[in-house]
Protein backbone atom coordinates (compact mmCIF):
# COMPACT_ATOMS: atom_id res chain seq x y z
CA MET A 1 -28.28 -8.14 10.78
CA PRO A 2 -28.23 -5.79 7.77
CA PRO A 3 -25.52 -3.12 7.61
CA VAL A 4 -26.13 -0.02 9.71
CA THR A 5 -26.91 3.03 7.58
CA PHE A 6 -27.75 6.58 8.54
CA PRO A 7 -30.68 7.76 6.41
CA ALA A 8 -31.45 10.60 8.83
CA ALA A 9 -28.14 12.36 8.16
CA PRO A 10 -28.53 15.87 6.77
CA ARG A 11 -28.51 15.91 2.96
CA ALA A 12 -25.48 18.22 2.76
CA ASP A 13 -23.40 15.91 4.97
CA ALA A 14 -24.55 12.80 3.11
CA ALA A 15 -23.75 14.38 -0.26
CA LYS A 16 -20.34 15.49 1.00
CA ILE A 17 -19.53 12.01 2.36
CA THR A 18 -20.69 10.43 -0.90
CA ARG A 19 -18.61 12.81 -3.02
CA ILE A 20 -15.44 12.46 -0.93
CA SER A 21 -15.82 8.69 -0.68
CA MET A 22 -16.20 8.35 -4.45
CA ILE A 23 -13.14 10.52 -5.03
CA LEU A 24 -11.13 8.40 -2.58
CA SER A 25 -12.45 5.21 -4.15
CA TRP A 26 -11.32 6.27 -7.61
CA ALA A 27 -8.00 7.54 -6.22
CA CYS A 28 -7.33 4.19 -4.53
CA LEU A 29 -8.19 2.35 -7.73
CA GLY A 30 -5.97 4.62 -9.83
CA VAL A 31 -3.00 4.32 -7.51
CA ALA A 32 -3.50 0.56 -7.23
CA VAL A 33 -3.07 0.32 -11.01
CA LEU A 34 -0.36 2.98 -11.43
CA VAL A 35 2.06 1.82 -8.72
CA PRO A 36 2.89 -1.59 -10.27
CA LEU A 37 2.95 0.01 -13.72
CA ALA A 38 5.43 2.65 -12.49
CA VAL A 39 7.62 -0.08 -10.98
CA VAL A 40 7.69 -1.99 -14.26
CA LEU A 41 8.45 1.12 -16.32
CA GLY A 42 11.12 2.19 -13.83
CA TRP A 43 13.01 -1.07 -14.09
CA VAL A 44 12.61 -1.35 -17.84
CA LEU A 45 13.45 2.24 -18.79
CA ALA A 46 15.61 3.73 -16.00
CA ALA A 47 19.31 4.28 -16.45
CA PRO A 48 21.58 2.31 -14.08
CA GLU A 49 22.63 5.57 -12.35
CA THR A 50 18.99 6.34 -11.62
CA LEU A 51 18.47 2.90 -10.10
CA ASP A 52 21.68 3.26 -8.08
CA ALA A 53 20.49 6.58 -6.68
CA ALA A 54 17.00 5.26 -5.91
CA LEU A 55 18.47 2.31 -4.03
CA ARG A 56 21.28 4.31 -2.47
CA ALA A 57 23.61 1.79 -4.10
CA THR A 58 26.26 4.38 -4.83
CA GLY A 59 29.96 3.92 -4.51
CA PRO A 60 33.12 3.87 -6.55
CA GLY A 61 33.51 1.87 -9.69
CA PRO A 62 32.04 1.62 -13.13
CA ARG A 63 28.30 1.63 -13.52
CA GLY A 64 27.81 -0.03 -16.87
CA ASP A 65 24.40 -1.12 -17.98
CA LEU A 66 22.76 -3.74 -15.81
CA ALA A 67 22.56 -7.29 -17.07
CA TRP A 68 19.09 -8.35 -18.18
CA TRP A 69 18.81 -10.77 -15.24
CA GLN A 70 19.63 -7.97 -12.77
CA ARG A 71 16.82 -5.83 -14.15
CA ALA A 72 14.46 -8.82 -14.22
CA ALA A 73 15.29 -9.84 -10.65
CA GLY A 74 15.03 -6.23 -9.44
CA LEU A 75 11.69 -5.86 -11.19
CA VAL A 76 10.26 -9.06 -9.72
CA LEU A 77 11.45 -8.23 -6.20
CA SER A 78 10.25 -4.62 -6.45
CA LEU A 79 6.82 -5.76 -7.61
CA ILE A 80 6.21 -7.72 -4.39
CA PRO A 81 5.65 -4.68 -2.12
CA ALA A 82 3.98 -2.77 -4.98
CA LEU A 83 1.45 -5.55 -5.54
CA LEU A 84 0.83 -5.90 -1.80
CA MET A 85 0.06 -2.18 -1.60
CA SER A 86 -2.12 -2.39 -4.72
CA ARG A 87 -4.11 -5.23 -3.17
CA GLY A 88 -4.63 -3.15 -0.03
CA LEU A 89 -5.73 -0.13 -2.05
CA TRP A 90 -8.10 -2.35 -4.02
CA ARG A 91 -9.76 -3.34 -0.75
CA ALA A 92 -9.82 0.27 0.50
CA GLN A 93 -11.64 1.37 -2.65
CA HIS A 94 -14.37 -1.22 -1.93
CA CYS A 95 -14.77 0.27 1.54
CA PHE A 96 -15.03 3.80 0.15
CA ARG A 97 -17.66 2.65 -2.36
CA ARG A 98 -19.76 1.33 0.53
CA PHE A 99 -19.30 4.63 2.37
CA ALA A 100 -20.48 6.45 -0.77
CA GLY A 101 -23.58 4.25 -0.73
CA GLY A 102 -24.33 5.23 2.86
CA VAL A 103 -23.17 1.94 4.40
CA PHE A 104 -20.81 2.75 7.26
CA PHE A 105 -20.89 0.08 9.95
CA ASP A 106 -20.69 -3.14 7.98
CA HIS A 107 -18.62 -6.28 8.42
CA GLY A 108 -17.45 -5.90 4.81
CA ASN A 109 -16.00 -2.47 5.64
CA VAL A 110 -14.18 -3.95 8.62
CA ALA A 111 -12.76 -6.74 6.47
CA ASP A 112 -11.68 -4.26 3.78
CA LEU A 113 -10.05 -1.90 6.28
CA ARG A 114 -8.21 -4.79 7.93
CA ALA A 115 -7.08 -6.05 4.52
CA PHE A 116 -5.83 -2.57 3.60
CA ALA A 117 -3.95 -2.26 6.89
CA GLY A 118 -2.47 -5.75 6.65
CA ASN A 119 -1.38 -5.27 3.05
CA ALA A 120 0.08 -1.82 3.75
CA PHE A 121 2.02 -3.25 6.70
CA ALA A 122 3.24 -6.22 4.64
CA ALA A 123 4.23 -3.92 1.75
CA THR A 124 6.23 -1.68 4.08
CA ILE A 125 8.02 -4.55 5.82
CA THR A 126 8.65 -6.36 2.53
CA GLY A 127 10.06 -3.17 1.03
CA LEU A 128 12.38 -2.74 4.02
CA VAL A 129 13.66 -6.30 3.69
CA LEU A 130 13.99 -6.34 -0.10
CA LYS A 131 15.67 -2.96 -0.56
CA PRO A 132 19.12 -4.19 0.58
CA VAL A 133 18.73 -7.35 -1.50
CA ILE A 134 17.89 -5.32 -4.61
CA ALA A 135 20.80 -2.92 -3.93
CA MET A 136 23.17 -5.89 -3.80
CA LEU A 137 21.72 -7.26 -7.06
CA VAL A 138 22.24 -3.93 -8.82
CA THR A 139 25.89 -3.74 -7.73
CA LEU A 140 26.68 -7.44 -8.21
CA GLY A 141 28.68 -7.01 -11.41
CA ARG A 142 31.05 -4.45 -9.94
CA PRO A 143 34.68 -5.24 -9.14
CA ALA A 144 35.60 -6.80 -5.79
CA GLY A 145 35.02 -4.50 -2.84
CA GLN A 146 32.39 -2.40 -4.59
CA LEU A 147 29.28 -4.41 -3.77
CA THR A 148 26.79 -2.21 -1.94
CA LEU A 149 24.56 -3.15 0.97
CA SER A 150 22.07 -0.39 1.66
CA ILE A 151 20.07 -0.60 4.87
CA GLY A 152 17.94 2.20 6.20
CA LEU A 153 14.62 3.26 7.65
CA GLU A 154 13.10 6.31 6.04
CA SER A 155 10.22 8.48 7.18
CA ALA A 156 7.97 7.02 4.44
CA GLU A 157 8.38 3.56 5.93
CA VAL A 158 7.74 4.80 9.46
CA PHE A 159 4.66 6.61 8.16
CA GLY A 160 3.48 3.45 6.34
CA LEU A 161 3.80 1.40 9.52
CA LEU A 162 2.01 4.06 11.56
CA ILE A 163 -0.87 4.41 9.08
CA SER A 164 -1.34 0.65 8.75
CA GLY A 165 -1.43 0.27 12.53
CA THR A 166 -3.86 3.16 12.89
CA VAL A 167 -6.26 1.78 10.26
CA TRP A 168 -6.04 -1.71 11.83
CA VAL A 169 -7.06 -0.30 15.24
CA MET A 170 -9.87 1.76 13.68
CA ALA A 171 -11.18 -1.37 11.95
CA HIS A 172 -11.11 -3.21 15.27
CA VAL A 173 -13.06 -0.40 16.95
CA MET A 174 -15.54 -0.43 14.07
CA ALA A 175 -15.99 -4.20 14.51
CA GLN A 176 -16.75 -3.67 18.19
CA ALA A 177 -19.27 -0.94 17.31
CA ILE A 178 -21.01 -3.30 14.88
CA ALA A 179 -21.13 -6.04 17.52
CA LEU A 180 -22.60 -3.57 20.02
CA ALA A 181 -25.21 -2.43 17.46
CA ASP A 182 -26.11 -6.06 16.74
CA GLU A 183 -26.45 -6.77 20.45
CA ASN A 184 -28.62 -3.69 21.00
CA ALA A 185 -30.82 -4.64 18.03
CA SER A 186 -31.42 -8.08 19.53
CA PHE A 187 -33.02 -6.51 22.64
CA VAL A 188 -35.65 -4.67 20.62
């Protein structure tokens, strides 16, 4: 069955949905590109003190410049959640483009919303797991007893898990609505 569209929607509402969906589509695309770029620039250009503070890898001892392999390893590990989130945002922008075109209840939208939710969840969990590993890498060259293990759950991570779960459930409800529409169309 073709995607369900709503041509009878009032023009003002349709124009508003189109405009907002296009803005969100471009925003998702922009953030999907900028997040990995910001991670790369952060690891390449940031001072060791800045990285320590960002990772909560503070403590006594000298904080000389990081070895090249520490920066490289931190960059690679930090890119994993960033690229997962970028992939999710890439899929979300496809969904918003369909919304802008007036296609709302479509299996492609469901797949894109599920992909966004799954990638956002994976990015959040991966970030939680990798943050202590990266903090240990950054402090590895310090004298004995000054290695830092930083474990914590921040509100941003809780929010990320909540949003990904919410979008996953909404995609499931949308899939059920599409199935119901398909079933109703078969009776006609």
